[in-house]
N, C-alpha and C. Protein backbone atom coordinates (compact mmCIF):
# COMPACT_ATOMS: atom_id res chain seq x y z
N MET A 1 111.32 83.48 114.32
CA MET A 1 111.11 82.84 115.61
C MET A 1 112.24 83.27 116.54
N ALA A 2 111.90 83.97 117.61
CA ALA A 2 112.92 84.52 118.51
C ALA A 2 113.58 83.42 119.34
N VAL A 3 114.87 83.56 119.56
CA VAL A 3 115.64 82.65 120.41
C VAL A 3 116.33 83.49 121.47
N THR A 4 116.32 83.03 122.72
CA THR A 4 116.91 83.79 123.81
C THR A 4 118.13 83.06 124.37
N PHE A 5 119.23 83.80 124.56
CA PHE A 5 120.45 83.29 125.17
C PHE A 5 120.72 84.04 126.47
N TYR A 6 121.35 83.36 127.42
CA TYR A 6 121.63 83.97 128.71
C TYR A 6 123.12 83.86 129.05
N SER A 7 123.66 84.96 129.62
CA SER A 7 124.99 84.97 130.23
C SER A 7 126.05 84.32 129.34
N LEU A 8 126.21 84.84 128.14
CA LEU A 8 127.12 84.22 127.17
C LEU A 8 128.58 84.30 127.57
N ASN A 9 128.95 85.20 128.49
CA ASN A 9 130.34 85.29 128.90
C ASN A 9 130.61 84.56 130.21
N SER A 10 129.64 83.78 130.66
CA SER A 10 129.82 82.95 131.85
C SER A 10 130.04 81.51 131.42
N ALA A 11 130.63 80.71 132.29
CA ALA A 11 130.87 79.29 131.97
C ALA A 11 129.58 78.55 131.67
N PRO A 12 128.51 78.71 132.48
CA PRO A 12 127.26 78.01 132.16
C PRO A 12 126.68 78.42 130.81
N GLY A 13 126.77 79.73 130.51
CA GLY A 13 126.25 80.21 129.24
C GLY A 13 127.00 79.65 128.06
N LEU A 14 128.35 79.60 128.16
CA LEU A 14 129.17 79.07 127.07
C LEU A 14 128.96 77.56 126.90
N GLU A 15 128.77 76.86 128.01
CA GLU A 15 128.54 75.42 127.93
C GLU A 15 127.23 75.12 127.19
N LYS A 16 126.19 75.90 127.52
CA LYS A 16 124.91 75.70 126.85
C LYS A 16 125.00 76.06 125.37
N LEU A 17 125.72 77.16 125.05
CA LEU A 17 125.89 77.54 123.65
C LEU A 17 126.68 76.48 122.91
N ASN A 18 127.68 75.91 123.57
CA ASN A 18 128.49 74.85 122.97
C ASN A 18 127.62 73.63 122.64
N ASP A 19 126.72 73.27 123.56
CA ASP A 19 125.80 72.15 123.32
C ASP A 19 124.83 72.48 122.18
N TYR A 20 124.36 73.74 122.16
CA TYR A 20 123.41 74.17 121.14
C TYR A 20 124.02 74.07 119.74
N LEU A 21 125.32 74.39 119.61
CA LEU A 21 125.99 74.41 118.31
C LEU A 21 126.56 73.05 117.91
N LEU A 22 126.34 72.04 118.74
CA LEU A 22 126.85 70.70 118.43
C LEU A 22 126.32 70.19 117.11
N SER A 23 125.05 70.44 116.84
CA SER A 23 124.42 69.94 115.61
C SER A 23 123.98 71.06 114.69
N ARG A 24 124.54 72.27 114.88
CA ARG A 24 124.17 73.42 114.05
C ARG A 24 125.41 74.14 113.54
N SER A 25 125.33 74.65 112.32
CA SER A 25 126.42 75.47 111.78
C SER A 25 126.22 76.94 112.12
N TYR A 26 124.95 77.36 112.27
CA TYR A 26 124.64 78.76 112.55
C TYR A 26 123.62 78.85 113.67
N ILE A 27 123.44 80.04 114.22
CA ILE A 27 122.52 80.23 115.34
C ILE A 27 121.10 79.88 114.93
N THR A 28 120.67 80.34 113.77
CA THR A 28 119.36 79.96 113.24
C THR A 28 119.48 79.75 111.74
N GLY A 29 118.70 78.82 111.22
CA GLY A 29 118.67 78.62 109.78
C GLY A 29 119.90 77.91 109.25
N TYR A 30 120.08 78.00 107.92
CA TYR A 30 121.14 77.27 107.24
C TYR A 30 122.15 78.18 106.54
N GLN A 31 122.17 79.46 106.93
CA GLN A 31 123.19 80.37 106.45
C GLN A 31 123.45 81.42 107.53
N ALA A 32 124.61 82.05 107.46
CA ALA A 32 124.95 83.08 108.44
C ALA A 32 123.96 84.24 108.32
N SER A 33 123.50 84.74 109.46
CA SER A 33 122.52 85.82 109.47
C SER A 33 122.86 86.81 110.58
N LYS A 34 122.00 87.83 110.71
CA LYS A 34 122.19 88.82 111.75
C LYS A 34 122.07 88.22 113.15
N ASP A 35 121.43 87.06 113.26
CA ASP A 35 121.38 86.35 114.54
C ASP A 35 122.80 85.97 114.98
N ASP A 36 123.61 85.52 114.02
CA ASP A 36 124.99 85.16 114.33
C ASP A 36 125.79 86.39 114.76
N ILE A 37 125.55 87.52 114.09
CA ILE A 37 126.25 88.75 114.45
C ILE A 37 125.88 89.19 115.85
N THR A 38 124.59 89.06 116.21
CA THR A 38 124.13 89.45 117.55
C THR A 38 124.83 88.65 118.63
N VAL A 39 124.89 87.34 118.45
CA VAL A 39 125.54 86.48 119.45
C VAL A 39 127.05 86.72 119.46
N HIS A 40 127.64 86.87 118.27
CA HIS A 40 129.08 87.15 118.16
C HIS A 40 129.44 88.42 118.91
N ALA A 41 128.63 89.47 118.76
CA ALA A 41 128.89 90.75 119.41
C ALA A 41 128.71 90.67 120.92
N ALA A 42 127.86 89.75 121.38
CA ALA A 42 127.60 89.63 122.82
C ALA A 42 128.75 88.97 123.56
N LEU A 43 129.60 88.23 122.83
CA LEU A 43 130.76 87.61 123.46
C LEU A 43 131.86 88.65 123.65
N SER A 44 132.54 88.59 124.81
CA SER A 44 133.58 89.59 125.10
C SER A 44 134.84 89.38 124.30
N GLY A 45 135.00 88.21 123.68
CA GLY A 45 136.17 87.91 122.87
C GLY A 45 136.13 86.46 122.42
N PRO A 46 137.19 85.97 121.77
CA PRO A 46 137.23 84.57 121.33
C PRO A 46 137.05 83.64 122.53
N PRO A 47 136.20 82.62 122.40
CA PRO A 47 135.96 81.71 123.51
C PRO A 47 137.14 80.79 123.76
N SER A 48 137.18 80.20 124.95
CA SER A 48 138.23 79.24 125.29
C SER A 48 138.14 78.03 124.38
N SER A 49 139.30 77.42 124.09
CA SER A 49 139.35 76.28 123.18
C SER A 49 138.60 75.06 123.72
N GLU A 50 138.27 75.07 125.02
CA GLU A 50 137.53 73.93 125.57
C GLU A 50 136.10 73.89 125.01
N TYR A 51 135.60 75.04 124.56
CA TYR A 51 134.27 75.09 123.95
C TYR A 51 134.43 74.92 122.44
N VAL A 52 134.63 73.68 122.03
CA VAL A 52 135.02 73.36 120.65
C VAL A 52 134.01 73.89 119.63
N ASN A 53 132.74 73.66 119.86
CA ASN A 53 131.71 74.05 118.89
C ASN A 53 131.56 75.57 118.80
N VAL A 54 131.69 76.25 119.96
CA VAL A 54 131.61 77.71 119.96
C VAL A 54 132.80 78.29 119.22
N CYS A 55 133.99 77.72 119.45
CA CYS A 55 135.20 78.21 118.76
C CYS A 55 135.07 78.04 117.25
N ARG A 56 134.58 76.87 116.81
CA ARG A 56 134.41 76.61 115.38
C ARG A 56 133.45 77.64 114.77
N TRP A 57 132.32 77.86 115.45
CA TRP A 57 131.33 78.83 114.95
C TRP A 57 131.90 80.25 114.98
N TYR A 58 132.55 80.63 116.08
CA TYR A 58 133.08 81.99 116.25
C TYR A 58 134.11 82.32 115.16
N ASN A 59 135.03 81.38 114.89
CA ASN A 59 136.06 81.60 113.87
C ASN A 59 135.45 81.71 112.48
N HIS A 60 134.41 80.92 112.23
CA HIS A 60 133.73 80.97 110.92
C HIS A 60 133.06 82.32 110.72
N ILE A 61 132.33 82.80 111.74
CA ILE A 61 131.66 84.09 111.62
C ILE A 61 132.69 85.22 111.53
N ASP A 62 133.80 85.11 112.26
CA ASP A 62 134.89 86.08 112.18
C ASP A 62 135.39 86.19 110.73
N ALA A 63 135.60 85.03 110.10
CA ALA A 63 136.10 85.02 108.72
C ALA A 63 135.10 85.65 107.76
N LEU A 64 133.82 85.35 107.95
CA LEU A 64 132.79 85.92 107.09
C LEU A 64 132.72 87.44 107.24
N LEU A 65 132.83 87.92 108.48
CA LEU A 65 132.76 89.37 108.72
C LEU A 65 133.95 90.07 108.09
N ARG A 66 135.13 89.45 108.16
CA ARG A 66 136.32 90.05 107.53
C ARG A 66 136.21 90.03 106.01
N MET A 67 135.58 88.97 105.50
CA MET A 67 135.53 88.77 104.07
C MET A 67 134.49 89.66 103.39
N CYS A 68 133.23 89.51 103.77
CA CYS A 68 132.20 90.21 103.02
C CYS A 68 130.99 90.59 103.86
N GLY A 69 131.03 90.35 105.17
CA GLY A 69 129.90 90.70 106.01
C GLY A 69 128.79 89.67 105.93
N VAL A 70 127.72 89.91 106.67
CA VAL A 70 126.57 89.01 106.72
C VAL A 70 125.31 89.84 106.52
N SER A 71 124.45 89.43 105.58
CA SER A 71 123.28 90.25 105.27
C SER A 71 121.95 89.57 105.56
N ALA A 72 121.93 88.25 105.72
CA ALA A 72 120.66 87.55 105.97
C ALA A 72 120.03 88.04 107.28
N VAL A 73 118.71 88.21 107.27
CA VAL A 73 118.01 88.81 108.41
C VAL A 73 118.01 87.92 109.64
N GLY A 74 117.75 86.62 109.48
CA GLY A 74 117.68 85.72 110.63
C GLY A 74 116.27 85.64 111.19
N GLN A 75 116.13 84.91 112.30
CA GLN A 75 114.82 84.67 112.88
C GLN A 75 114.58 85.45 114.16
N GLY A 76 115.61 86.12 114.65
CA GLY A 76 115.46 86.92 115.86
C GLY A 76 116.14 86.29 117.05
N VAL A 77 117.09 87.02 117.65
CA VAL A 77 117.82 86.52 118.82
C VAL A 77 117.81 87.59 119.90
N THR A 78 117.61 87.16 121.15
CA THR A 78 117.66 88.06 122.30
C THR A 78 118.75 87.60 123.24
N ILE A 79 119.58 88.54 123.68
CA ILE A 79 120.64 88.22 124.63
C ILE A 79 120.25 88.78 125.99
N GLU A 80 120.17 87.92 126.99
CA GLU A 80 119.79 88.34 128.34
C GLU A 80 120.93 88.05 129.31
N GLY A 81 121.14 88.97 130.24
CA GLY A 81 122.08 88.73 131.33
C GLY A 81 123.50 88.54 130.89
N SER A 82 123.92 89.18 129.78
CA SER A 82 125.30 89.05 129.34
C SER A 82 126.23 89.68 130.37
N VAL A 83 127.28 88.98 130.72
CA VAL A 83 128.22 89.49 131.72
C VAL A 83 129.63 89.30 131.22
N THR A 84 130.55 90.04 131.76
CA THR A 84 131.96 89.84 131.46
C THR A 84 132.52 88.81 132.42
N PRO A 85 133.67 88.16 132.12
CA PRO A 85 134.20 87.13 132.99
C PRO A 85 134.46 87.61 134.41
N SER A 86 134.69 88.92 134.62
CA SER A 86 135.01 89.43 135.95
C SER A 86 133.77 89.62 136.80
N GLU A 87 132.58 89.53 136.18
CA GLU A 87 131.35 89.71 136.91
C GLU A 87 130.75 88.37 137.31
N ALA A 88 129.97 88.39 138.35
CA ALA A 88 129.35 87.16 138.81
C ALA A 88 128.32 86.70 137.78
N ALA A 89 128.33 85.42 137.48
CA ALA A 89 127.38 84.88 136.51
C ALA A 89 126.03 84.71 137.16
N PRO A 90 124.95 85.22 136.56
CA PRO A 90 123.62 85.07 137.13
C PRO A 90 123.17 83.62 137.07
N SER A 91 122.25 83.28 137.95
CA SER A 91 121.75 81.91 137.96
C SER A 91 120.93 81.65 136.72
N SER A 92 120.88 80.39 136.32
CA SER A 92 120.15 80.03 135.11
C SER A 92 118.66 80.25 135.30
N PRO A 93 117.97 80.82 134.32
CA PRO A 93 116.54 81.06 134.44
C PRO A 93 115.77 79.76 134.42
N PRO A 94 114.59 79.74 135.03
CA PRO A 94 113.80 78.51 135.05
C PRO A 94 113.20 78.21 133.69
N VAL A 95 112.95 76.93 133.45
CA VAL A 95 112.32 76.50 132.20
C VAL A 95 110.82 76.72 132.31
N ALA A 96 110.24 77.33 131.29
CA ALA A 96 108.82 77.67 131.33
C ALA A 96 107.94 76.43 131.31
N ASP A 97 108.34 75.40 130.56
CA ASP A 97 107.56 74.16 130.54
C ASP A 97 108.51 73.00 130.31
N THR A 98 107.98 71.81 130.23
CA THR A 98 108.81 70.61 130.18
C THR A 98 109.00 70.06 128.79
N LYS A 99 108.50 70.73 127.78
CA LYS A 99 108.70 70.21 126.43
C LYS A 99 110.09 70.52 125.95
N VAL A 100 110.59 69.72 125.01
CA VAL A 100 111.93 69.91 124.50
C VAL A 100 111.97 71.17 123.66
N PRO A 101 112.88 72.14 123.99
CA PRO A 101 112.94 73.38 123.21
C PRO A 101 113.47 73.14 121.83
N SER A 102 113.03 73.92 120.86
CA SER A 102 113.54 73.85 119.50
C SER A 102 113.61 75.23 118.93
N VAL A 103 114.34 75.36 117.84
CA VAL A 103 114.51 76.67 117.22
C VAL A 103 113.18 77.21 116.72
N GLU A 104 112.20 76.33 116.46
CA GLU A 104 110.92 76.77 115.93
C GLU A 104 110.05 77.46 116.99
N ASP A 105 110.33 77.24 118.29
CA ASP A 105 109.52 77.84 119.34
C ASP A 105 109.87 79.30 119.51
N ASP A 106 108.86 80.14 119.74
CA ASP A 106 109.08 81.55 119.99
C ASP A 106 109.68 81.73 121.37
N ASP A 107 110.69 82.65 121.50
CA ASP A 107 111.30 82.98 122.78
C ASP A 107 111.74 81.74 123.54
N VAL A 108 112.46 80.85 122.88
CA VAL A 108 112.93 79.64 123.55
C VAL A 108 113.98 80.00 124.58
N ASP A 109 113.87 79.43 125.80
CA ASP A 109 114.85 79.64 126.86
C ASP A 109 115.89 78.54 126.74
N LEU A 110 117.00 78.86 126.04
CA LEU A 110 118.01 77.85 125.78
C LEU A 110 118.86 77.52 126.99
N PHE A 111 118.88 78.43 127.97
CA PHE A 111 119.80 78.25 129.07
C PHE A 111 119.10 78.05 130.40
N GLY A 112 117.92 77.48 130.40
CA GLY A 112 117.25 77.11 131.64
C GLY A 112 117.77 75.76 132.12
N GLU A 113 117.34 75.33 133.31
CA GLU A 113 117.74 74.04 133.82
C GLU A 113 117.17 72.94 132.93
N GLU A 114 117.98 71.93 132.64
CA GLU A 114 117.56 70.84 131.77
C GLU A 114 116.70 69.87 132.56
N THR A 115 115.53 69.56 132.05
CA THR A 115 114.63 68.64 132.72
C THR A 115 114.98 67.20 132.35
N GLU A 116 114.39 66.25 133.09
CA GLU A 116 114.62 64.84 132.80
C GLU A 116 114.11 64.49 131.41
N GLU A 117 112.98 65.10 131.02
CA GLU A 117 112.43 64.84 129.70
C GLU A 117 113.38 65.31 128.61
N GLU A 118 114.00 66.48 128.83
CA GLU A 118 114.95 67.02 127.85
C GLU A 118 116.19 66.14 127.75
N LYS A 119 116.67 65.67 128.91
CA LYS A 119 117.84 64.80 128.90
C LYS A 119 117.55 63.51 128.13
N LYS A 120 116.36 62.96 128.37
CA LYS A 120 115.98 61.72 127.69
C LYS A 120 115.86 61.94 126.19
N ALA A 121 115.26 63.08 125.81
CA ALA A 121 115.11 63.39 124.38
C ALA A 121 116.48 63.57 123.72
N ALA A 122 117.42 64.24 124.43
CA ALA A 122 118.77 64.45 123.89
C ALA A 122 119.48 63.12 123.70
N GLU A 123 119.32 62.20 124.66
CA GLU A 123 119.94 60.88 124.56
C GLU A 123 119.36 60.10 123.38
N GLU A 124 118.05 60.23 123.18
CA GLU A 124 117.40 59.53 122.07
C GLU A 124 117.89 60.07 120.73
N ARG A 125 118.06 61.42 120.63
CA ARG A 125 118.56 62.01 119.38
C ARG A 125 119.99 61.55 119.11
N ALA A 126 120.82 61.52 120.17
CA ALA A 126 122.20 61.09 119.99
C ALA A 126 122.27 59.64 119.53
N ALA A 127 121.41 58.79 120.12
CA ALA A 127 121.37 57.38 119.74
C ALA A 127 120.91 57.22 118.29
N ALA A 128 119.93 58.03 117.89
CA ALA A 128 119.42 57.96 116.52
C ALA A 128 120.48 58.37 115.51
N MET A 129 121.23 59.43 115.84
CA MET A 129 122.30 59.89 114.95
C MET A 129 123.37 58.82 114.80
N LYS A 130 123.70 58.17 115.93
CA LYS A 130 124.73 57.12 115.88
C LYS A 130 124.26 55.93 115.07
N ALA A 131 122.97 55.57 115.24
CA ALA A 131 122.41 54.42 114.54
C ALA A 131 122.36 54.62 113.03
N THR A 132 122.10 55.85 112.61
CA THR A 132 121.99 56.14 111.17
C THR A 132 123.33 56.48 110.55
N GLY A 133 124.36 56.59 111.40
CA GLY A 133 125.69 56.89 110.88
C GLY A 133 125.80 58.29 110.32
N LYS A 134 124.99 59.22 110.82
CA LYS A 134 125.01 60.60 110.32
C LYS A 134 126.35 61.26 110.61
N LYS A 135 126.91 61.92 109.66
CA LYS A 135 128.20 62.57 109.83
C LYS A 135 128.07 63.81 110.70
N LYS A 136 129.09 64.06 111.49
CA LYS A 136 129.11 65.23 112.35
C LYS A 136 129.35 66.48 111.50
N GLU A 137 129.02 67.64 112.09
CA GLU A 137 129.20 68.90 111.38
C GLU A 137 130.67 69.16 111.05
N SER A 138 131.59 68.54 111.81
CA SER A 138 133.01 68.75 111.56
C SER A 138 133.44 68.16 110.22
N GLY A 139 132.51 67.45 109.52
CA GLY A 139 132.84 66.89 108.22
C GLY A 139 132.86 67.92 107.11
N LYS A 140 132.52 69.20 107.43
CA LYS A 140 132.59 70.26 106.43
C LYS A 140 133.48 71.39 106.94
N SER A 141 134.05 72.13 106.01
CA SER A 141 134.90 73.25 106.36
C SER A 141 134.61 74.46 105.47
N SER A 142 134.84 75.64 106.04
CA SER A 142 134.73 76.88 105.30
C SER A 142 136.14 77.41 105.07
N VAL A 143 136.47 77.72 103.83
CA VAL A 143 137.84 78.12 103.48
C VAL A 143 137.81 79.46 102.76
N LEU A 144 138.71 80.36 103.16
CA LEU A 144 138.88 81.64 102.49
C LEU A 144 140.20 81.62 101.73
N LEU A 145 140.14 81.84 100.40
CA LEU A 145 141.32 81.81 99.55
C LEU A 145 141.69 83.20 99.04
N ASP A 146 142.97 83.45 98.93
CA ASP A 146 143.51 84.60 98.19
C ASP A 146 144.00 84.08 96.85
N VAL A 147 143.45 84.59 95.76
CA VAL A 147 143.86 84.17 94.41
C VAL A 147 144.51 85.37 93.73
N LYS A 148 145.81 85.26 93.42
CA LYS A 148 146.56 86.40 92.90
C LYS A 148 146.80 86.28 91.40
N PRO A 149 146.63 87.39 90.67
CA PRO A 149 146.85 87.40 89.22
C PRO A 149 148.34 87.58 88.90
N TRP A 150 148.67 87.50 87.63
CA TRP A 150 150.06 87.69 87.21
C TRP A 150 150.49 89.15 87.29
N ASP A 151 149.60 90.06 86.90
CA ASP A 151 149.96 91.47 86.92
C ASP A 151 148.69 92.32 86.87
N ASP A 152 148.86 93.64 86.76
CA ASP A 152 147.71 94.54 86.77
C ASP A 152 146.92 94.51 85.47
N GLU A 153 147.40 93.79 84.46
CA GLU A 153 146.69 93.70 83.20
C GLU A 153 145.81 92.44 83.11
N THR A 154 145.90 91.59 84.12
CA THR A 154 145.10 90.36 84.14
C THR A 154 143.61 90.71 84.25
N ASP A 155 142.80 90.09 83.43
CA ASP A 155 141.35 90.29 83.47
C ASP A 155 140.80 89.56 84.71
N MET A 156 140.45 90.33 85.75
CA MET A 156 140.02 89.72 87.01
C MET A 156 138.66 89.03 86.89
N LYS A 157 137.83 89.50 85.95
CA LYS A 157 136.54 88.85 85.74
C LYS A 157 136.75 87.44 85.18
N LYS A 158 137.68 87.31 84.23
CA LYS A 158 137.97 86.00 83.67
C LYS A 158 138.69 85.12 84.69
N LEU A 159 139.50 85.75 85.54
CA LEU A 159 140.17 84.99 86.60
C LEU A 159 139.14 84.35 87.52
N GLU A 160 138.13 85.14 87.93
CA GLU A 160 137.10 84.58 88.81
C GLU A 160 136.29 83.51 88.10
N GLU A 161 136.02 83.72 86.81
CA GLU A 161 135.29 82.71 86.04
C GLU A 161 136.09 81.40 86.00
N ALA A 162 137.41 81.51 85.87
CA ALA A 162 138.27 80.33 85.84
C ALA A 162 138.20 79.58 87.16
N VAL A 163 138.16 80.34 88.26
CA VAL A 163 138.08 79.73 89.59
C VAL A 163 136.74 79.01 89.75
N ARG A 164 135.66 79.70 89.47
CA ARG A 164 134.32 79.13 89.68
C ARG A 164 133.98 78.02 88.69
N SER A 165 134.71 77.94 87.59
CA SER A 165 134.45 76.88 86.62
C SER A 165 134.88 75.51 87.14
N ILE A 166 135.69 75.50 88.18
CA ILE A 166 136.14 74.24 88.78
C ILE A 166 135.02 73.72 89.67
N GLN A 167 134.39 72.67 89.26
CA GLN A 167 133.23 72.12 89.96
C GLN A 167 133.38 70.62 90.12
N PHE A 168 133.22 70.13 91.35
CA PHE A 168 133.11 68.70 91.59
C PHE A 168 132.44 68.45 92.92
N GLU A 169 132.09 67.22 93.18
CA GLU A 169 131.32 66.86 94.37
C GLU A 169 132.06 67.28 95.65
N GLY A 170 131.30 67.91 96.55
CA GLY A 170 131.86 68.31 97.83
C GLY A 170 132.45 69.71 97.84
N LEU A 171 132.36 70.44 96.73
CA LEU A 171 132.90 71.80 96.63
C LEU A 171 131.80 72.78 96.26
N ARG A 172 131.68 73.87 97.02
CA ARG A 172 130.71 74.91 96.69
C ARG A 172 131.36 76.28 96.87
N TRP A 173 131.39 77.06 95.82
CA TRP A 173 131.96 78.40 95.88
C TRP A 173 130.97 79.37 96.50
N GLY A 174 131.48 80.37 97.25
CA GLY A 174 130.62 81.33 97.91
C GLY A 174 130.92 82.76 97.50
N ALA A 175 130.82 83.67 98.47
CA ALA A 175 131.00 85.10 98.20
C ALA A 175 132.45 85.41 97.83
N SER A 176 132.62 86.52 97.10
CA SER A 176 133.96 86.92 96.68
C SER A 176 134.05 88.44 96.60
N LYS A 177 135.28 88.94 96.60
CA LYS A 177 135.51 90.37 96.40
C LYS A 177 136.95 90.56 95.93
N LEU A 178 137.22 91.73 95.34
CA LEU A 178 138.57 92.09 94.92
C LEU A 178 139.19 92.97 96.00
N ALA A 179 140.45 92.69 96.34
CA ALA A 179 141.15 93.45 97.36
C ALA A 179 142.48 93.95 96.79
N PRO A 180 142.85 95.20 97.05
CA PRO A 180 144.10 95.73 96.51
C PRO A 180 145.33 95.06 97.10
N VAL A 181 146.32 94.83 96.25
CA VAL A 181 147.60 94.26 96.68
C VAL A 181 148.68 95.34 96.68
N GLY A 182 148.68 96.16 95.64
CA GLY A 182 149.68 97.22 95.48
C GLY A 182 150.06 97.38 94.02
N TYR A 183 150.52 98.57 93.68
CA TYR A 183 150.95 98.86 92.31
C TYR A 183 149.83 98.60 91.30
N GLY A 184 148.61 98.87 91.72
CA GLY A 184 147.48 98.72 90.82
C GLY A 184 146.98 97.29 90.67
N ILE A 185 147.61 96.36 91.36
CA ILE A 185 147.21 94.95 91.27
C ILE A 185 146.18 94.64 92.34
N LYS A 186 145.18 93.85 91.96
CA LYS A 186 144.17 93.39 92.92
C LYS A 186 144.15 91.87 92.95
N LYS A 187 143.79 91.32 94.09
CA LYS A 187 143.65 89.88 94.23
C LYS A 187 142.18 89.53 94.46
N LEU A 188 141.82 88.30 94.15
CA LEU A 188 140.47 87.81 94.39
C LEU A 188 140.44 87.08 95.73
N GLN A 189 139.54 87.51 96.61
CA GLN A 189 139.30 86.78 97.85
C GLN A 189 137.96 86.07 97.68
N ILE A 190 137.97 84.77 97.88
CA ILE A 190 136.75 83.99 97.63
C ILE A 190 136.56 82.92 98.70
N MET A 191 135.30 82.77 99.14
CA MET A 191 134.95 81.76 100.13
C MET A 191 134.52 80.48 99.41
N MET A 192 134.79 79.36 100.04
CA MET A 192 134.26 78.09 99.54
C MET A 192 133.95 77.18 100.72
N THR A 193 132.97 76.32 100.52
CA THR A 193 132.62 75.31 101.50
C THR A 193 132.97 73.95 100.91
N ILE A 194 133.65 73.12 101.71
CA ILE A 194 134.06 71.80 101.22
C ILE A 194 133.61 70.70 102.17
N VAL A 195 133.40 69.52 101.62
CA VAL A 195 133.21 68.31 102.42
C VAL A 195 134.60 67.72 102.61
N ASP A 196 135.05 67.64 103.86
CA ASP A 196 136.44 67.27 104.14
C ASP A 196 136.85 65.93 103.54
N ASP A 197 135.92 64.96 103.57
CA ASP A 197 136.26 63.63 103.06
C ASP A 197 136.36 63.59 101.54
N LEU A 198 135.82 64.61 100.87
CA LEU A 198 135.79 64.59 99.40
C LEU A 198 136.76 65.57 98.75
N VAL A 199 137.13 66.62 99.47
CA VAL A 199 137.95 67.68 98.86
C VAL A 199 139.19 67.96 99.68
N SER A 200 140.33 67.97 99.03
CA SER A 200 141.60 68.41 99.62
C SER A 200 141.91 69.78 99.04
N VAL A 201 142.06 70.78 99.90
CA VAL A 201 142.33 72.13 99.42
C VAL A 201 143.68 72.19 98.71
N ASP A 202 144.68 71.52 99.27
CA ASP A 202 146.01 71.50 98.63
C ASP A 202 145.92 70.90 97.23
N HIS A 203 145.17 69.82 97.09
CA HIS A 203 144.99 69.19 95.78
C HIS A 203 144.26 70.12 94.83
N LEU A 204 143.25 70.82 95.33
CA LEU A 204 142.51 71.77 94.51
C LEU A 204 143.43 72.85 93.96
N ILE A 205 144.30 73.38 94.82
CA ILE A 205 145.21 74.45 94.39
C ILE A 205 146.25 73.92 93.41
N GLU A 206 146.88 72.79 93.75
CA GLU A 206 148.00 72.28 92.96
C GLU A 206 147.57 71.65 91.63
N GLU A 207 146.39 71.02 91.61
CA GLU A 207 145.98 70.28 90.42
C GLU A 207 144.92 70.97 89.57
N TYR A 208 144.34 72.06 90.10
CA TYR A 208 143.27 72.73 89.35
C TYR A 208 143.50 74.24 89.18
N LEU A 209 143.80 74.93 90.28
CA LEU A 209 143.86 76.39 90.23
C LEU A 209 145.17 76.93 89.66
N THR A 210 146.26 76.21 89.80
CA THR A 210 147.56 76.74 89.34
C THR A 210 148.15 75.96 88.17
N VAL A 211 147.27 75.27 87.43
CA VAL A 211 147.70 74.57 86.22
C VAL A 211 146.80 75.02 85.07
N GLU A 212 147.14 74.61 83.87
CA GLU A 212 146.32 74.99 82.72
C GLU A 212 144.92 74.42 82.85
N PRO A 213 143.88 75.16 82.41
CA PRO A 213 143.96 76.50 81.78
C PRO A 213 143.87 77.65 82.78
N ALA A 214 143.62 77.36 84.07
CA ALA A 214 143.42 78.43 85.04
C ALA A 214 144.65 79.29 85.23
N ASN A 215 145.84 78.70 85.08
CA ASN A 215 147.06 79.47 85.34
C ASN A 215 147.36 80.52 84.28
N GLU A 216 146.49 80.61 83.27
CA GLU A 216 146.62 81.73 82.32
C GLU A 216 146.34 83.04 83.04
N TYR A 217 145.51 82.98 84.08
CA TYR A 217 145.15 84.17 84.84
C TYR A 217 145.69 84.13 86.28
N ILE A 218 145.85 82.94 86.84
CA ILE A 218 146.21 82.78 88.25
C ILE A 218 147.70 82.55 88.42
N GLN A 219 148.32 83.43 89.22
CA GLN A 219 149.75 83.29 89.51
C GLN A 219 149.98 82.41 90.73
N SER A 220 149.13 82.57 91.77
CA SER A 220 149.27 81.77 92.99
C SER A 220 147.99 81.82 93.81
N CYS A 221 147.86 80.87 94.73
CA CYS A 221 146.71 80.81 95.65
C CYS A 221 147.22 80.58 97.07
N ASP A 222 146.60 81.26 98.02
CA ASP A 222 146.96 81.09 99.43
C ASP A 222 145.71 80.87 100.26
N ILE A 223 145.82 80.00 101.27
CA ILE A 223 144.72 79.78 102.22
C ILE A 223 144.81 80.84 103.31
N VAL A 224 143.79 81.67 103.43
CA VAL A 224 143.75 82.74 104.43
C VAL A 224 143.11 82.26 105.73
N ALA A 225 142.02 81.51 105.61
CA ALA A 225 141.31 81.00 106.79
C ALA A 225 140.73 79.64 106.47
N PHE A 226 140.75 78.74 107.47
CA PHE A 226 140.26 77.38 107.29
C PHE A 226 139.54 77.00 108.58
N ASN A 227 138.20 76.93 108.53
CA ASN A 227 137.42 76.68 109.74
C ASN A 227 136.43 75.56 109.54
N LYS A 228 136.29 74.72 110.57
CA LYS A 228 135.27 73.68 110.55
C LYS A 228 133.89 74.31 110.73
N ILE A 229 132.89 73.76 110.06
CA ILE A 229 131.53 74.27 110.21
C ILE A 229 130.58 73.12 110.48
């Protein structure tokens, strides 16, 4: 299902993208996809910190691209009227109809003028979320760890098995790869997603990853990136 964005490097475009990402971790679907790469590439650089949701999403996609890339196909994204900050921002395109846009609609115009019906629907959704006590997306984080072995003779396969064997509520291990450190030594870089209220990364490192039995293979752990999702 194609989604259309307008003028992503203009203030109106960033504001609309910020609103769009308020209740979403990714541009489409429930995992990073080529749709995220398309939007990421359309931005001229890291967004201003005033766009909190865009910054959270941008930093997360940045970390994924540095770590292992993104392979999911996505649902299709079109970028229209992208401009640099030095160029005049084009006016917002008109809304084709008055129904509330959703990701399921083909060629949704996310950056058209908001109608009264859309405003009312947004207010109703916000009220419903508040009434049900639904947690905000900021309740989860994506973390990139560097896990270093003792020496070049450490079995890196067993090291990764030791890391992934640590399982408890609120923790999910993701993609990983081996990266050279020097002198024939490699480190494990691994992504994980945590529920902030349930998992402390410092506690995970100090009480699980660097103590027995994991410390038979693991010499130290470092947090490389920590982003809200």
